């Protein structure tokens, strides 16, 4: 959990002074009520307090997390769509070729 919080803290400290100027979406590729969803909501609430702007948790379940991952991969690389992934995101490329393209989009 601390690694996740540290990653979000770095996003806030390494960004420009005017970031975020609009709501940030944390995309959770799992159903509401799962551990990842609860943790993303807790982190989102803290970030919202710190950034003084809305941080929205957006659940996009399906395809072992690939639907949410693809949404974030196709969004502009501006930091306003953040993927909150679990270990399945690291395993998925070994299971299907379509995921390889999604992973390359993040690179």
C-alpha atoms as a PDB file:
ATOM      1  CA  UNK A   1       0.000   0.000   0.000  1.00  0.00           C
ATOM      2  CA  UNK A   2       2.827   2.412   0.804  1.00  0.00           C
ATOM      3  CA  UNK A   3       4.290   1.943  -2.666  1.00  0.00           C
ATOM      4  CA  UNK A   4       0.997   3.000  -4.217  1.00  0.00           C
ATOM      5  CA  UNK A   5       0.741   6.049  -1.993  1.00  0.00           C
ATOM      6  CA  UNK A   6       4.340   6.954  -2.761  1.00  0.00           C
ATOM      7  CA  UNK A   7       3.679   6.715  -6.497  1.00  0.00           C
ATOM      8  CA  UNK A   8       0.693   9.062  -6.217  1.00  0.00           C
ATOM      9  CA  UNK A   9       2.708  11.451  -4.048  1.00  0.00           C
ATOM     10  CA  UNK A  10       5.398  11.595  -6.711  1.00  0.00           C
ATOM     11  CA  UNK A  11       2.782  12.427  -9.321  1.00  0.00           C
ATOM     12  CA  UNK A  12       1.755  15.395  -7.221  1.00  0.00           C
ATOM     13  CA  UNK A  13       5.253  16.628  -6.452  1.00  0.00           C
ATOM     14  CA  UNK A  14       6.758  16.119  -9.915  1.00  0.00           C
ATOM     15  CA  UNK A  15       3.920  17.843 -11.742  1.00  0.00           C
ATOM     16  CA  UNK A  16       3.597  21.425 -12.829  1.00  0.00           C
ATOM     17  CA  UNK A  17       2.211  23.994 -10.424  1.00  0.00           C
ATOM     18  CA  UNK A  18      -1.148  24.122 -12.187  1.00  0.00           C
ATOM     19  CA  UNK A  19      -1.773  20.366 -12.078  1.00  0.00           C
ATOM     20  CA  UNK A  20      -4.499  19.320 -11.588  1.00  0.00           C
ATOM     21  CA  UNK A  21      -6.630  22.002 -13.127  1.00  0.00           C
ATOM     22  CA  UNK A  22      -9.589  19.641 -13.649  1.00  0.00           C
ATOM     23  CA  UNK A  23     -10.858  16.386 -12.095  1.00  0.00           C
ATOM     24  CA  UNK A  24      -8.547  13.378 -12.110  1.00  0.00           C
ATOM     25  CA  UNK A  25     -10.015   9.944 -12.881  1.00  0.00           C
ATOM     26  CA  UNK A  26      -8.651   6.869 -11.161  1.00  0.00           C
ATOM     27  CA  UNK A  27      -9.704   3.983 -13.390  1.00  0.00           C
ATOM     28  CA  UNK A  28     -10.174   0.767 -11.434  1.00  0.00           C
ATOM     29  CA  UNK A  29     -10.491  -2.178 -13.829  1.00  0.00           C
ATOM     30  CA  UNK A  30     -12.447  -4.236 -11.299  1.00  0.00           C
ATOM     31  CA  UNK A  31     -15.972  -4.231  -9.883  1.00  0.00           C
ATOM     32  CA  UNK A  32     -17.022  -1.872  -7.081  1.00  0.00           C
ATOM     33  CA  UNK A  33     -16.426  -3.239  -3.603  1.00  0.00           C
ATOM     34  CA  UNK A  34     -13.251  -5.156  -4.393  1.00  0.00           C
ATOM     35  CA  UNK A  35     -10.052  -4.520  -2.484  1.00  0.00           C
ATOM     36  CA  UNK A  36      -8.584  -2.493  -5.338  1.00  0.00           C
ATOM     37  CA  UNK A  37     -11.730  -0.354  -5.538  1.00  0.00           C
ATOM     38  CA  UNK A  38     -11.749   0.378  -1.820  1.00  0.00           C
ATOM     39  CA  UNK A  39      -8.053   1.230  -1.801  1.00  0.00           C
ATOM     40  CA  UNK A  40      -8.416   3.464  -4.873  1.00  0.00           C
ATOM     41  CA  UNK A  41     -11.266   5.358  -3.175  1.00  0.00           C
ATOM     42  CA  UNK A  42      -9.189   5.867  -0.026  1.00  0.00           C
ATOM     43  CA  UNK A  43      -6.204   7.112  -2.029  1.00  0.00           C
ATOM     44  CA  UNK A  44      -8.507   9.260  -4.176  1.00  0.00           C
ATOM     45  CA  UNK A  45      -9.991  10.943  -1.118  1.00  0.00           C
ATOM     46  CA  UNK A  46      -6.529  11.835   0.203  1.00  0.00           C
ATOM     47  CA  UNK A  47      -5.404  13.128  -3.183  1.00  0.00           C
ATOM     48  CA  UNK A  48      -8.569  15.202  -3.463  1.00  0.00           C
ATOM     49  CA  UNK A  49      -7.787  16.839  -0.119  1.00  0.00           C
ATOM     50  CA  UNK A  50      -4.191  17.496  -1.117  1.00  0.00           C
ATOM     51  CA  UNK A  51      -4.879  18.739  -4.644  1.00  0.00           C
ATOM     52  CA  UNK A  52      -8.074  20.651  -3.781  1.00  0.00           C
ATOM     53  CA  UNK A  53      -9.876  19.151  -6.783  1.00  0.00           C
ATOM     54  CA  UNK A  54     -12.122  16.189  -7.491  1.00  0.00           C
ATOM     55  CA  UNK A  55     -10.569  12.747  -7.813  1.00  0.00           C
ATOM     56  CA  UNK A  56     -13.130  10.388  -9.327  1.00  0.00           C
ATOM     57  CA  UNK A  57     -12.986   6.610  -9.034  1.00  0.00           C
ATOM     58  CA  UNK A  58     -14.161   5.124 -12.323  1.00  0.00           C
ATOM     59  CA  UNK A  59     -14.822   1.369 -12.262  1.00  0.00           C
ATOM     60  CA  UNK A  60     -14.380  -0.339 -15.664  1.00  0.00           C
ATOM     61  CA  UNK A  61     -14.490  -4.083 -14.945  1.00  0.00           C
ATOM     62  CA  UNK A  62     -14.138  -6.855 -17.467  1.00  0.00           C
ATOM     63  CA  UNK A  63     -11.640  -8.947 -19.393  1.00  0.00           C
ATOM     64  CA  UNK A  64      -9.424  -9.430 -16.330  1.00  0.00           C
ATOM     65  CA  UNK A  65      -8.793  -5.699 -16.101  1.00  0.00           C
ATOM     66  CA  UNK A  66      -8.058  -5.165 -19.771  1.00  0.00           C
ATOM     67  CA  UNK A  67     -11.073  -2.922 -20.439  1.00  0.00           C
ATOM     68  CA  UNK A  68      -9.987  -0.361 -17.863  1.00  0.00           C
ATOM     69  CA  UNK A  69      -6.342  -0.643 -18.874  1.00  0.00           C
ATOM     70  CA  UNK A  70      -7.206  -0.035 -22.526  1.00  0.00           C
ATOM     71  CA  UNK A  71      -9.255   3.033 -21.589  1.00  0.00           C
ATOM     72  CA  UNK A  72      -6.295   4.572 -19.762  1.00  0.00           C
ATOM     73  CA  UNK A  73      -3.818   3.513 -22.456  1.00  0.00           C
ATOM     74  CA  UNK A  74      -5.886   5.330 -25.097  1.00  0.00           C
ATOM     75  CA  UNK A  75      -6.364   8.483 -23.018  1.00  0.00           C
ATOM     76  CA  UNK A  76      -3.998  11.448 -23.430  1.00  0.00           C
ATOM     77  CA  UNK A  77      -0.779  11.094 -21.374  1.00  0.00           C
ATOM     78  CA  UNK A  78      -1.590  14.151 -19.267  1.00  0.00           C
ATOM     79  CA  UNK A  79      -2.033  12.555 -15.840  1.00  0.00           C
ATOM     80  CA  UNK A  80      -5.797  12.995 -15.678  1.00  0.00           C
ATOM     81  CA  UNK A  81      -6.526   9.292 -16.193  1.00  0.00           C
ATOM     82  CA  UNK A  82      -4.621   7.009 -13.831  1.00  0.00           C
ATOM     83  CA  UNK A  83      -4.842   3.209 -13.838  1.00  0.00           C
ATOM     84  CA  UNK A  84      -5.171   1.536 -10.460  1.00  0.00           C
ATOM     85  CA  UNK A  85      -4.058  -1.984 -11.406  1.00  0.00           C
ATOM     86  CA  UNK A  86      -3.314  -5.114  -9.437  1.00  0.00           C
ATOM     87  CA  UNK A  87      -1.117  -8.111 -10.132  1.00  0.00           C
ATOM     88  CA  UNK A  88      -3.395  -9.366 -12.921  1.00  0.00           C
ATOM     89  CA  UNK A  89      -2.174  -6.466 -15.058  1.00  0.00           C
ATOM     90  CA  UNK A  90       1.346  -7.892 -14.934  1.00  0.00           C
ATOM     91  CA  UNK A  91       0.182 -11.433 -15.755  1.00  0.00           C
ATOM     92  CA  UNK A  92      -2.255 -10.617 -18.587  1.00  0.00           C
ATOM     93  CA  UNK A  93       0.379 -10.137 -21.340  1.00  0.00           C
ATOM     94  CA  UNK A  94       1.364 -13.769 -20.926  1.00  0.00           C
ATOM     95  CA  UNK A  95      -2.243 -14.864 -21.451  1.00  0.00           C
ATOM     96  CA  UNK A  96      -3.322 -12.991 -24.580  1.00  0.00           C
ATOM     97  CA  UNK A  97      -1.715 -11.097 -27.454  1.00  0.00           C
ATOM     98  CA  UNK A  98      -4.200  -8.207 -27.375  1.00  0.00           C
ATOM     99  CA  UNK A  99      -2.808  -7.128 -24.030  1.00  0.00           C
ATOM    100  CA  UNK A 100       0.682  -6.755 -25.486  1.00  0.00           C
ATOM    101  CA  UNK A 101      -0.561  -3.763 -27.486  1.00  0.00           C
ATOM    102  CA  UNK A 102      -2.136  -2.199 -24.377  1.00  0.00           C
ATOM    103  CA  UNK A 103       1.122  -2.592 -22.453  1.00  0.00           C
ATOM    104  CA  UNK A 104       3.081  -1.013 -25.321  1.00  0.00           C
ATOM    105  CA  UNK A 105       0.669   1.962 -25.233  1.00  0.00           C
ATOM    106  CA  UNK A 106       1.714   2.612 -21.626  1.00  0.00           C
ATOM    107  CA  UNK A 107       5.391   2.605 -22.573  1.00  0.00           C
END
